[in-house]
């Protein structure tokens, strides 16, 4: 009888260890996805700030129209890439209240 209880205890521990990753799986994946979203949201805001800074540099004469066109085109291409990554993760860009 004692051997039977010991076998059941060992079996319970083995089952507990085997299903451990299954118990934590979705939470771990959700945490990683949320962390990736936060990184992308931060990158998006930084890119928007870069676009606004470039516009200010054009207005103040620090950038020529030709240079600004190239910088703006590149920054907007990068911003669109970030937005597409966010959309792929199920996040939609919401217009900001200004």
PDB file of N, CA and C in Angstrom:
ATOM      1  N   UNK A   1       0.815  -1.189   0.000  1.00  0.00           N
ATOM      2  CA  UNK A   1       0.000   0.000   0.000  1.00  0.00           C
ATOM      3  C   UNK A   1       0.866   1.263   0.000  1.00  0.00           C
ATOM      4  N   UNK A   2       1.924   1.251   0.779  1.00  0.00           N
ATOM      5  CA  UNK A   2       2.835   2.395   0.836  1.00  0.00           C
ATOM      6  C   UNK A   2       3.505   2.606  -0.511  1.00  0.00           C
ATOM      7  N   UNK A   3       3.868   1.532  -1.184  1.00  0.00           N
ATOM      8  CA  UNK A   3       4.484   1.634  -2.505  1.00  0.00           C
ATOM      9  C   UNK A   3       3.496   2.249  -3.500  1.00  0.00           C
ATOM     10  N   UNK A   4       2.236   1.872  -3.414  1.00  0.00           N
ATOM     11  CA  UNK A   4       1.204   2.417  -4.296  1.00  0.00           C
ATOM     12  C   UNK A   4       1.053   3.928  -4.099  1.00  0.00           C
ATOM     13  N   UNK A   5       1.055   4.379  -2.864  1.00  0.00           N
ATOM     14  CA  UNK A   5       0.944   5.811  -2.557  1.00  0.00           C
ATOM     15  C   UNK A   5       2.175   6.554  -3.062  1.00  0.00           C
ATOM     16  N   UNK A   6       3.349   5.957  -2.898  1.00  0.00           N
ATOM     17  CA  UNK A   6       4.579   6.576  -3.377  1.00  0.00           C
ATOM     18  C   UNK A   6       4.559   6.712  -4.899  1.00  0.00           C
ATOM     19  N   UNK A   7       4.089   5.676  -5.583  1.00  0.00           N
ATOM     20  CA  UNK A   7       4.001   5.719  -7.048  1.00  0.00           C
ATOM     21  C   UNK A   7       3.012   6.798  -7.487  1.00  0.00           C
ATOM     22  N   UNK A   8       1.894   6.889  -6.822  1.00  0.00           N
ATOM     23  CA  UNK A   8       0.918   7.930  -7.145  1.00  0.00           C
ATOM     24  C   UNK A   8       1.496   9.325  -6.916  1.00  0.00           C
ATOM     25  N   UNK A   9       2.243   9.497  -5.837  1.00  0.00           N
ATOM     26  CA  UNK A   9       2.851  10.791  -5.537  1.00  0.00           C
ATOM     27  C   UNK A   9       3.862  11.161  -6.622  1.00  0.00           C
ATOM     28  N   UNK A  10       4.711  10.201  -7.013  1.00  0.00           N
ATOM     29  CA  UNK A  10       5.711  10.454  -8.071  1.00  0.00           C
ATOM     30  C   UNK A  10       5.001  10.754  -9.380  1.00  0.00           C
ATOM     31  N   UNK A  11       3.972  10.000  -9.690  1.00  0.00           N
ATOM     32  CA  UNK A  11       3.207  10.213 -10.917  1.00  0.00           C
ATOM     33  C   UNK A  11       2.561  11.602 -10.914  1.00  0.00           C
ATOM     34  N   UNK A  12       2.027  12.029  -9.788  1.00  0.00           N
ATOM     35  CA  UNK A  12       1.409  13.353  -9.683  1.00  0.00           C
ATOM     36  C   UNK A  12       2.439  14.455  -9.916  1.00  0.00           C
ATOM     37  N   UNK A  13       3.636  14.290  -9.354  1.00  0.00           N
ATOM     38  CA  UNK A  13       4.704  15.277  -9.551  1.00  0.00           C
ATOM     39  C   UNK A  13       5.114  15.330 -11.020  1.00  0.00           C
ATOM     40  N   UNK A  14       5.255  14.166 -11.644  1.00  0.00           N
ATOM     41  CA  UNK A  14       5.638  14.122 -13.056  1.00  0.00           C
ATOM     42  C   UNK A  14       4.580  14.803 -13.926  1.00  0.00           C
ATOM     43  N   UNK A  15       3.320  14.516 -13.681  1.00  0.00           N
ATOM     44  CA  UNK A  15       2.239  15.142 -14.447  1.00  0.00           C
ATOM     45  C   UNK A  15       2.251  16.649 -14.217  1.00  0.00           C
ATOM     46  N   UNK A  16       2.427  17.077 -13.000  1.00  0.00           N
ATOM     47  CA  UNK A  16       2.481  18.509 -12.665  1.00  0.00           C
ATOM     48  C   UNK A  16       3.603  19.195 -13.427  1.00  0.00           C
ATOM     49  N   UNK A  17       4.783  18.568 -13.490  1.00  0.00           N
ATOM     50  CA  UNK A  17       5.916  19.148 -14.203  1.00  0.00           C
ATOM     51  C   UNK A  17       5.687  19.171 -15.708  1.00  0.00           C
ATOM     52  N   UNK A  18       5.074  18.145 -16.232  1.00  0.00           N
ATOM     53  CA  UNK A  18       4.837  18.077 -17.674  1.00  0.00           C
ATOM     54  C   UNK A  18       3.820  19.121 -18.124  1.00  0.00           C
ATOM     55  N   UNK A  19       2.759  19.323 -17.357  1.00  0.00           N
ATOM     56  CA  UNK A  19       1.735  20.282 -17.782  1.00  0.00           C
ATOM     57  C   UNK A  19       2.069  21.714 -17.357  1.00  0.00           C
ATOM     58  N   UNK A  20       3.160  21.915 -16.660  1.00  0.00           N
ATOM     59  CA  UNK A  20       3.567  23.258 -16.231  1.00  0.00           C
ATOM     60  C   UNK A  20       3.612  24.272 -17.361  1.00  0.00           C
ATOM     61  N   UNK A  21       4.332  23.977 -18.444  1.00  0.00           N
ATOM     62  CA  UNK A  21       4.367  24.944 -19.555  1.00  0.00           C
ATOM     63  C   UNK A  21       2.995  25.194 -20.169  1.00  0.00           C
ATOM     64  N   UNK A  22       2.135  24.204 -20.153  1.00  0.00           N
ATOM     65  CA  UNK A  22       0.793  24.394 -20.697  1.00  0.00           C
ATOM     66  C   UNK A  22      -0.031  25.326 -19.825  1.00  0.00           C
ATOM     67  N   UNK A  23       0.186  25.281 -18.517  1.00  0.00           N
ATOM     68  CA  UNK A  23      -0.525  26.172 -17.607  1.00  0.00           C
ATOM     69  C   UNK A  23      -0.078  27.610 -17.792  1.00  0.00           C
ATOM     70  N   UNK A  24       1.202  27.824 -18.082  1.00  0.00           N
ATOM     71  CA  UNK A  24       1.754  29.170 -18.167  1.00  0.00           C
ATOM     72  C   UNK A  24       1.818  29.694 -19.592  1.00  0.00           C
ATOM     73  N   UNK A  25       1.581  28.854 -20.579  1.00  0.00           N
ATOM     74  CA  UNK A  25       1.737  29.208 -21.986  1.00  0.00           C
ATOM     75  C   UNK A  25       1.040  30.485 -22.413  1.00  0.00           C
ATOM     76  N   UNK A  26      -0.279  30.548 -22.341  1.00  0.00           N
ATOM     77  CA  UNK A  26      -0.965  31.736 -22.835  1.00  0.00           C
ATOM     78  C   UNK A  26      -0.543  33.011 -22.121  1.00  0.00           C
ATOM     79  N   UNK A  27      -0.332  32.937 -20.833  1.00  0.00           N
ATOM     80  CA  UNK A  27       0.081  34.127 -20.090  1.00  0.00           C
ATOM     81  C   UNK A  27       1.439  34.607 -20.565  1.00  0.00           C
ATOM     82  N   UNK A  28       2.369  33.684 -20.746  1.00  0.00           N
ATOM     83  CA  UNK A  28       3.697  34.059 -21.232  1.00  0.00           C
ATOM     84  C   UNK A  28       3.637  34.660 -22.621  1.00  0.00           C
ATOM     85  N   UNK A  29       2.838  34.067 -23.494  1.00  0.00           N
ATOM     86  CA  UNK A  29       2.678  34.593 -24.846  1.00  0.00           C
ATOM     87  C   UNK A  29       2.004  35.959 -24.813  1.00  0.00           C
ATOM     88  N   UNK A  30       1.010  36.108 -23.964  1.00  0.00           N
ATOM     89  CA  UNK A  30       0.318  37.388 -23.854  1.00  0.00           C
ATOM     90  C   UNK A  30       1.273  38.464 -23.337  1.00  0.00           C
ATOM     91  N   UNK A  31       2.113  38.105 -22.363  1.00  0.00           N
ATOM     92  CA  UNK A  31       3.078  39.062 -21.834  1.00  0.00           C
ATOM     93  C   UNK A  31       4.057  39.496 -22.914  1.00  0.00           C
ATOM     94  N   UNK A  32       4.540  38.538 -23.714  1.00  0.00           N
ATOM     95  CA  UNK A  32       5.478  38.876 -24.794  1.00  0.00           C
ATOM     96  C   UNK A  32       4.801  39.759 -25.834  1.00  0.00           C
ATOM     97  N   UNK A  33       3.573  39.439 -26.193  1.00  0.00           N
ATOM     98  CA  UNK A  33       2.840  40.234 -27.177  1.00  0.00           C
ATOM     99  C   UNK A  33       2.609  41.651 -26.641  1.00  0.00           C
ATOM    100  N   UNK A  34       2.233  41.762 -25.378  1.00  0.00           N
ATOM    101  CA  UNK A  34       2.006  43.084 -24.788  1.00  0.00           C
ATOM    102  C   UNK A  34       3.306  43.884 -24.744  1.00  0.00           C
ATOM    103  N   UNK A  35       4.413  43.232 -24.421  1.00  0.00           N
ATOM    104  CA  UNK A  35       5.711  43.918 -24.397  1.00  0.00           C
ATOM    105  C   UNK A  35       6.075  44.404 -25.793  1.00  0.00           C
ATOM    106  N   UNK A  36       5.815  43.571 -26.809  1.00  0.00           N
ATOM    107  CA  UNK A  36       6.116  43.970 -28.185  1.00  0.00           C
ATOM    108  C   UNK A  36       5.246  45.154 -28.610  1.00  0.00           C
ATOM    109  N   UNK A  37       3.979  45.133 -28.207  1.00  0.00           N
ATOM    110  CA  UNK A  37       3.085  46.249 -28.519  1.00  0.00           C
ATOM    111  C   UNK A  37       3.593  47.528 -27.870  1.00  0.00           C
ATOM    112  N   UNK A  38       4.014  47.443 -26.625  1.00  0.00           N
ATOM    113  CA  UNK A  38       4.520  48.631 -25.922  1.00  0.00           C
ATOM    114  C   UNK A  38       5.761  49.192 -26.601  1.00  0.00           C
ATOM    115  N   UNK A  39       6.656  48.312 -27.046  1.00  0.00           N
ATOM    116  CA  UNK A  39       7.862  48.762 -27.752  1.00  0.00           C
ATOM    117  C   UNK A  39       7.471  49.458 -29.055  1.00  0.00           C
ATOM    118  N   UNK A  40       6.547  48.863 -29.795  1.00  0.00           N
ATOM    119  CA  UNK A  40       6.120  49.455 -31.060  1.00  0.00           C
ATOM    120  C   UNK A  40       5.374  50.769 -30.848  1.00  0.00           C
ATOM    121  N   UNK A  41       4.545  50.850 -29.807  1.00  0.00           N
ATOM    122  CA  UNK A  41       3.846  52.108 -29.514  1.00  0.00           C
ATOM    123  C   UNK A  41       4.852  53.218 -29.193  1.00  0.00           C
ATOM    124  N   UNK A  42       5.889  52.874 -28.444  1.00  0.00           N
ATOM    125  CA  UNK A  42       6.929  53.851 -28.121  1.00  0.00           C
ATOM    126  C   UNK A  42       7.665  54.276 -29.384  1.00  0.00           C
ATOM    127  N   UNK A  43       7.974  53.313 -30.249  1.00  0.00           N
ATOM    128  CA  UNK A  43       8.654  53.628 -31.510  1.00  0.00           C
ATOM    129  C   UNK A  43       7.776  54.507 -32.388  1.00  0.00           C
ATOM    130  N   UNK A  44       6.466  54.239 -32.392  1.00  0.00           N
ATOM    131  CA  UNK A  44       5.531  55.040 -33.183  1.00  0.00           C
ATOM    132  C   UNK A  44       5.526  56.491 -32.703  1.00  0.00           C
ATOM    133  N   UNK A  45       5.419  56.678 -31.401  1.00  0.00           N
ATOM    134  CA  UNK A  45       5.409  58.034 -30.861  1.00  0.00           C
ATOM    135  C   UNK A  45       6.726  58.759 -31.151  1.00  0.00           C
ATOM    136  N   UNK A  46       7.839  58.037 -31.045  1.00  0.00           N
ATOM    137  CA  UNK A  46       9.139  58.633 -31.353  1.00  0.00           C
ATOM    138  C   UNK A  46       9.217  59.027 -32.826  1.00  0.00           C
ATOM    139  N   UNK A  47       8.671  58.195 -33.701  1.00  0.00           N
ATOM    140  CA  UNK A  47       8.696  58.492 -35.140  1.00  0.00           C
ATOM    141  C   UNK A  47       7.827  59.703 -35.437  1.00  0.00           C
ATOM    142  N   UNK A  48       6.649  59.796 -34.801  1.00  0.00           N
ATOM    143  CA  UNK A  48       5.800  60.968 -34.982  1.00  0.00           C
ATOM    144  C   UNK A  48       6.532  62.234 -34.530  1.00  0.00           C
ATOM    145  N   UNK A  49       7.258  62.136 -33.441  1.00  0.00           N
ATOM    146  CA  UNK A  49       8.026  63.279 -32.952  1.00  0.00           C
ATOM    147  C   UNK A  49       9.122  63.663 -33.950  1.00  0.00           C
ATOM    148  N   UNK A  50       9.772  62.672 -34.535  1.00  0.00           N
ATOM    149  CA  UNK A  50      10.796  62.951 -35.555  1.00  0.00           C
ATOM    150  C   UNK A  50      10.182  63.667 -36.758  1.00  0.00           C
ATOM    151  N   UNK A  51       8.991  63.258 -37.162  1.00  0.00           N
ATOM    152  CA  UNK A  51       8.315  63.907 -38.291  1.00  0.00           C
ATOM    153  C   UNK A  51       8.004  65.358 -37.947  1.00  0.00           C
ATOM    154  N   UNK A  52       7.484  65.580 -36.737  1.00  0.00           N
ATOM    155  CA  UNK A  52       7.187  66.964 -36.310  1.00  0.00           C
ATOM    156  C   UNK A  52       8.453  67.806 -36.225  1.00  0.00           C
ATOM    157  N   UNK A  53       9.549  67.208 -35.736  1.00  0.00           N
ATOM    158  CA  UNK A  53      10.819  67.939 -35.659  1.00  0.00           C
ATOM    159  C   UNK A  53      11.328  68.320 -37.048  1.00  0.00           C
ATOM    160  N   UNK A  54      11.186  67.398 -38.003  1.00  0.00           N
ATOM    161  CA  UNK A  54      11.616  67.690 -39.365  1.00  0.00           C
ATOM    162  C   UNK A  54      10.787  68.820 -39.961  1.00  0.00           C
ATOM    163  N   UNK A  55       9.475  68.818 -39.679  1.00  0.00           N
ATOM    164  CA  UNK A  55       8.618  69.897 -40.161  1.00  0.00           C
ATOM    165  C   UNK A  55       9.030  71.243 -39.560  1.00  0.00           C
ATOM    166  N   UNK A  56       9.399  71.223 -38.287  1.00  0.00           N
ATOM    167  CA  UNK A  56       9.855  72.452 -37.626  1.00  0.00           C
ATOM    168  C   UNK A  56      11.173  72.932 -38.246  1.00  0.00           C
ATOM    169  N   UNK A  57      12.062  71.996 -38.536  1.00  0.00           N
ATOM    170  CA  UNK A  57      13.331  72.368 -39.156  1.00  0.00           C
ATOM    171  C   UNK A  57      13.125  72.964 -40.545  1.00  0.00           C
ATOM    172  N   UNK A  58      12.128  72.493 -41.273  1.00  0.00           N
ATOM    173  CA  UNK A  58      11.799  73.086 -42.567  1.00  0.00           C
ATOM    174  C   UNK A  58      11.303  74.512 -42.374  1.00  0.00           C
ATOM    175  N   UNK A  59      10.379  74.681 -41.411  1.00  0.00           N
ATOM    176  CA  UNK A  59       9.809  76.021 -41.172  1.00  0.00           C
ATOM    177  C   UNK A  59      10.853  77.024 -40.684  1.00  0.00           C
ATOM    178  N   UNK A  60      11.840  76.538 -39.930  1.00  0.00           N
ATOM    179  CA  UNK A  60      12.846  77.457 -39.400  1.00  0.00           C
ATOM    180  C   UNK A  60      14.027  77.633 -40.347  1.00  0.00           C
ATOM    181  N   UNK A  61      14.006  76.932 -41.485  1.00  0.00           N
ATOM    182  CA  UNK A  61      15.067  77.095 -42.470  1.00  0.00           C
ATOM    183  C   UNK A  61      16.282  76.216 -42.253  1.00  0.00           C
ATOM    184  N   UNK A  62      16.239  75.321 -41.308  1.00  0.00           N
ATOM    185  CA  UNK A  62      17.370  74.422 -41.064  1.00  0.00           C
ATOM    186  C   UNK A  62      17.460  73.339 -42.129  1.00  0.00           C
ATOM    187  N   UNK A  63      16.332  73.047 -42.780  1.00  0.00           N
ATOM    188  CA  UNK A  63      16.296  72.069 -43.872  1.00  0.00           C
ATOM    189  C   UNK A  63      15.756  72.753 -45.117  1.00  0.00           C
ATOM    190  N   UNK A  64      16.373  72.458 -46.250  1.00  0.00           N
ATOM    191  CA  UNK A  64      15.825  72.947 -47.514  1.00  0.00           C
ATOM    192  C   UNK A  64      14.610  72.096 -47.863  1.00  0.00           C
ATOM    193  N   UNK A  65      13.789  72.597 -48.775  1.00  0.00           N
ATOM    194  CA  UNK A  65      12.604  71.851 -49.201  1.00  0.00           C
ATOM    195  C   UNK A  65      13.006  70.491 -49.774  1.00  0.00           C
ATOM    196  N   UNK A  66      14.066  70.465 -50.550  1.00  0.00           N
ATOM    197  CA  UNK A  66      14.533  69.214 -51.159  1.00  0.00           C
ATOM    198  C   UNK A  66      14.994  68.222 -50.097  1.00  0.00           C
ATOM    199  N   UNK A  67      15.772  68.692 -49.130  1.00  0.00           N
ATOM    200  CA  UNK A  67      16.226  67.805 -48.052  1.00  0.00           C
ATOM    201  C   UNK A  67      15.043  67.325 -47.211  1.00  0.00           C
ATOM    202  N   UNK A  68      14.128  68.243 -46.931  1.00  0.00           N
ATOM    203  CA  UNK A  68      12.962  67.872 -46.132  1.00  0.00           C
ATOM    204  C   UNK A  68      12.121  66.817 -46.831  1.00  0.00           C
ATOM    205  N   UNK A  69      11.949  66.953 -48.153  1.00  0.00           N
ATOM    206  CA  UNK A  69      11.167  65.968 -48.898  1.00  0.00           C
ATOM    207  C   UNK A  69      11.747  64.572 -48.708  1.00  0.00           C
ATOM    208  N   UNK A  70      13.052  64.446 -48.785  1.00  0.00           N
ATOM    209  CA  UNK A  70      13.705  63.148 -48.626  1.00  0.00           C
ATOM    210  C   UNK A  70      13.570  62.631 -47.188  1.00  0.00           C
ATOM    211  N   UNK A  71      13.827  63.497 -46.221  1.00  0.00           N
ATOM    212  CA  UNK A  71      13.729  63.107 -44.812  1.00  0.00           C
ATOM    213  C   UNK A  71      12.287  62.714 -44.484  1.00  0.00           C
ATOM    214  N   UNK A  72      11.342  63.531 -44.919  1.00  0.00           N
ATOM    215  CA  UNK A  72       9.936  63.261 -44.637  1.00  0.00           C
ATOM    216  C   UNK A  72       9.495  61.941 -45.255  1.00  0.00           C
ATOM    217  N   UNK A  73       9.899  61.706 -46.480  1.00  0.00           N
ATOM    218  CA  UNK A  73       9.534  60.461 -47.160  1.00  0.00           C
ATOM    219  C   UNK A  73      10.051  59.247 -46.379  1.00  0.00           C
ATOM    220  N   UNK A  74      11.315  59.317 -45.922  1.00  0.00           N
ATOM    221  CA  UNK A  74      11.909  58.206 -45.170  1.00  0.00           C
ATOM    222  C   UNK A  74      11.228  58.019 -43.808  1.00  0.00           C
ATOM    223  N   UNK A  75      10.998  59.104 -43.102  1.00  0.00           N
ATOM    224  CA  UNK A  75      10.362  59.006 -41.789  1.00  0.00           C
ATOM    225  C   UNK A  75       8.946  58.447 -41.892  1.00  0.00           C
ATOM    226  N   UNK A  76       8.211  58.873 -42.885  1.00  0.00           N
ATOM    227  CA  UNK A  76       6.836  58.378 -43.050  1.00  0.00           C
ATOM    228  C   UNK A  76       6.826  56.908 -43.470  1.00  0.00           C
ATOM    229  N   UNK A  77       7.808  56.506 -44.266  1.00  0.00           N
ATOM    230  CA  UNK A  77       7.918  55.096 -44.642  1.00  0.00           C
ATOM    231  C   UNK A  77       8.169  54.247 -43.393  1.00  0.00           C
ATOM    232  N   UNK A  78       9.049  54.729 -42.511  1.00  0.00           N
ATOM    233  CA  UNK A  78       9.331  54.018 -41.260  1.00  0.00           C
ATOM    234  C   UNK A  78       8.093  53.986 -40.350  1.00  0.00           C
ATOM    235  N   UNK A  79       7.361  55.095 -40.298  1.00  0.00           N
ATOM    236  CA  UNK A  79       6.148  55.155 -39.473  1.00  0.00           C
ATOM    237  C   UNK A  79       5.104  54.164 -39.980  1.00  0.00           C
ATOM    238  N   UNK A  80       4.940  54.080 -41.279  1.00  0.00           N
ATOM    239  CA  UNK A  80       3.972  53.141 -41.859  1.00  0.00           C
ATOM    240  C   UNK A  80       4.373  51.711 -41.524  1.00  0.00           C
ATOM    241  N   UNK A  81       5.654  51.430 -41.559  1.00  0.00           N
ATOM    242  CA  UNK A  81       6.135  50.086 -41.215  1.00  0.00           C
ATOM    243  C   UNK A  81       5.773  49.735 -39.769  1.00  0.00           C
ATOM    244  N   UNK A  82       5.964  50.679 -38.869  1.00  0.00           N
ATOM    245  CA  UNK A  82       5.616  50.460 -37.464  1.00  0.00           C
ATOM    246  C   UNK A  82       4.107  50.248 -37.323  1.00  0.00           C
ATOM    247  N   UNK A  83       3.325  51.069 -38.014  1.00  0.00           N
ATOM    248  CA  UNK A  83       1.863  50.927 -37.947  1.00  0.00           C
ATOM    249  C   UNK A  83       1.407  49.575 -38.483  1.00  0.00           C
ATOM    250  N   UNK A  84       2.053  49.098 -39.517  1.00  0.00           N
ATOM    251  CA  UNK A  84       1.694  47.775 -40.057  1.00  0.00           C
ATOM    252  C   UNK A  84       2.023  46.668 -39.061  1.00  0.00           C
ATOM    253  N   UNK A  85       3.155  46.806 -38.376  1.00  0.00           N
ATOM    254  CA  UNK A  85       3.495  45.811 -37.351  1.00  0.00           C
ATOM    255  C   UNK A  85       2.463  45.816 -36.231  1.00  0.00           C
ATOM    256  N   UNK A  86       2.042  47.000 -35.812  1.00  0.00           N
ATOM    257  CA  UNK A  86       1.017  47.102 -34.773  1.00  0.00           C
ATOM    258  C   UNK A  86      -0.304  46.504 -35.258  1.00  0.00           C
ATOM    259  N   UNK A  87      -0.655  46.791 -36.496  1.00  0.00           N
ATOM    260  CA  UNK A  87      -1.899  46.247 -37.040  1.00  0.00           C
ATOM    261  C   UNK A  87      -1.846  44.723 -37.095  1.00  0.00           C
ATOM    262  N   UNK A  88      -0.680  44.168 -37.424  1.00  0.00           N
ATOM    263  CA  UNK A  88      -0.525  42.716 -37.467  1.00  0.00           C
ATOM    264  C   UNK A  88      -0.732  42.102 -36.085  1.00  0.00           C
ATOM    265  N   UNK A  89      -0.463  42.883 -35.040  1.00  0.00           N
ATOM    266  CA  UNK A  89      -0.674  42.421 -33.668  1.00  0.00           C
ATOM    267  C   UNK A  89      -2.086  42.739 -33.175  1.00  0.00           C
ATOM    268  N   UNK A  90      -2.918  43.313 -34.051  1.00  0.00           N
ATOM    269  CA  UNK A  90      -4.303  43.593 -33.692  1.00  0.00           C
ATOM    270  C   UNK A  90      -4.529  44.961 -33.086  1.00  0.00           C
ATOM    271  N   UNK A  91      -3.551  45.853 -33.200  1.00  0.00           N
ATOM    272  CA  UNK A  91      -3.683  47.198 -32.634  1.00  0.00           C
ATOM    273  C   UNK A  91      -3.974  48.170 -33.766  1.00  0.00           C
ATOM    274  N   UNK A  92      -5.005  48.950 -33.608  1.00  0.00           N
ATOM    275  CA  UNK A  92      -5.352  49.960 -34.613  1.00  0.00           C
ATOM    276  C   UNK A  92      -4.892  51.326 -34.117  1.00  0.00           C
ATOM    277  N   UNK A  93      -4.395  52.141 -35.042  1.00  0.00           N
ATOM    278  CA  UNK A  93      -3.942  53.489 -34.704  1.00  0.00           C
ATOM    279  C   UNK A  93      -5.157  54.374 -34.480  1.00  0.00           C
ATOM    280  N   UNK A  94      -5.229  54.978 -33.316  1.00  0.00           N
ATOM    281  CA  UNK A  94      -6.329  55.858 -32.972  1.00  0.00           C
ATOM    282  C   UNK A  94      -5.893  57.308 -33.171  1.00  0.00           C
ATOM    283  N   UNK A  95      -6.738  58.139 -33.769  1.00  0.00           N
ATOM    284  CA  UNK A  95      -6.384  59.546 -33.915  1.00  0.00           C
ATOM    285  C   UNK A  95      -6.225  60.197 -32.547  1.00  0.00           C
ATOM    286  N   UNK A  96      -5.234  61.066 -32.445  1.00  0.00           N
ATOM    287  CA  UNK A  96      -4.982  61.752 -31.172  1.00  0.00           C
ATOM    288  C   UNK A  96      -5.864  62.981 -31.065  1.00  0.00           C
ATOM    289  N   UNK A  97      -6.292  63.296 -29.852  1.00  0.00           N
ATOM    290  CA  UNK A  97      -7.031  64.529 -29.612  1.00  0.00           C
ATOM    291  C   UNK A  97      -6.015  65.639 -29.461  1.00  0.00           C
ATOM    292  N   UNK A  98      -6.136  66.649 -30.284  1.00  0.00           N
ATOM    293  CA  UNK A  98      -5.179  67.776 -30.222  1.00  0.00           C
ATOM    294  C   UNK A  98      -5.902  69.057 -30.055  1.00  0.00           C
TER     295      UNK A  98
END
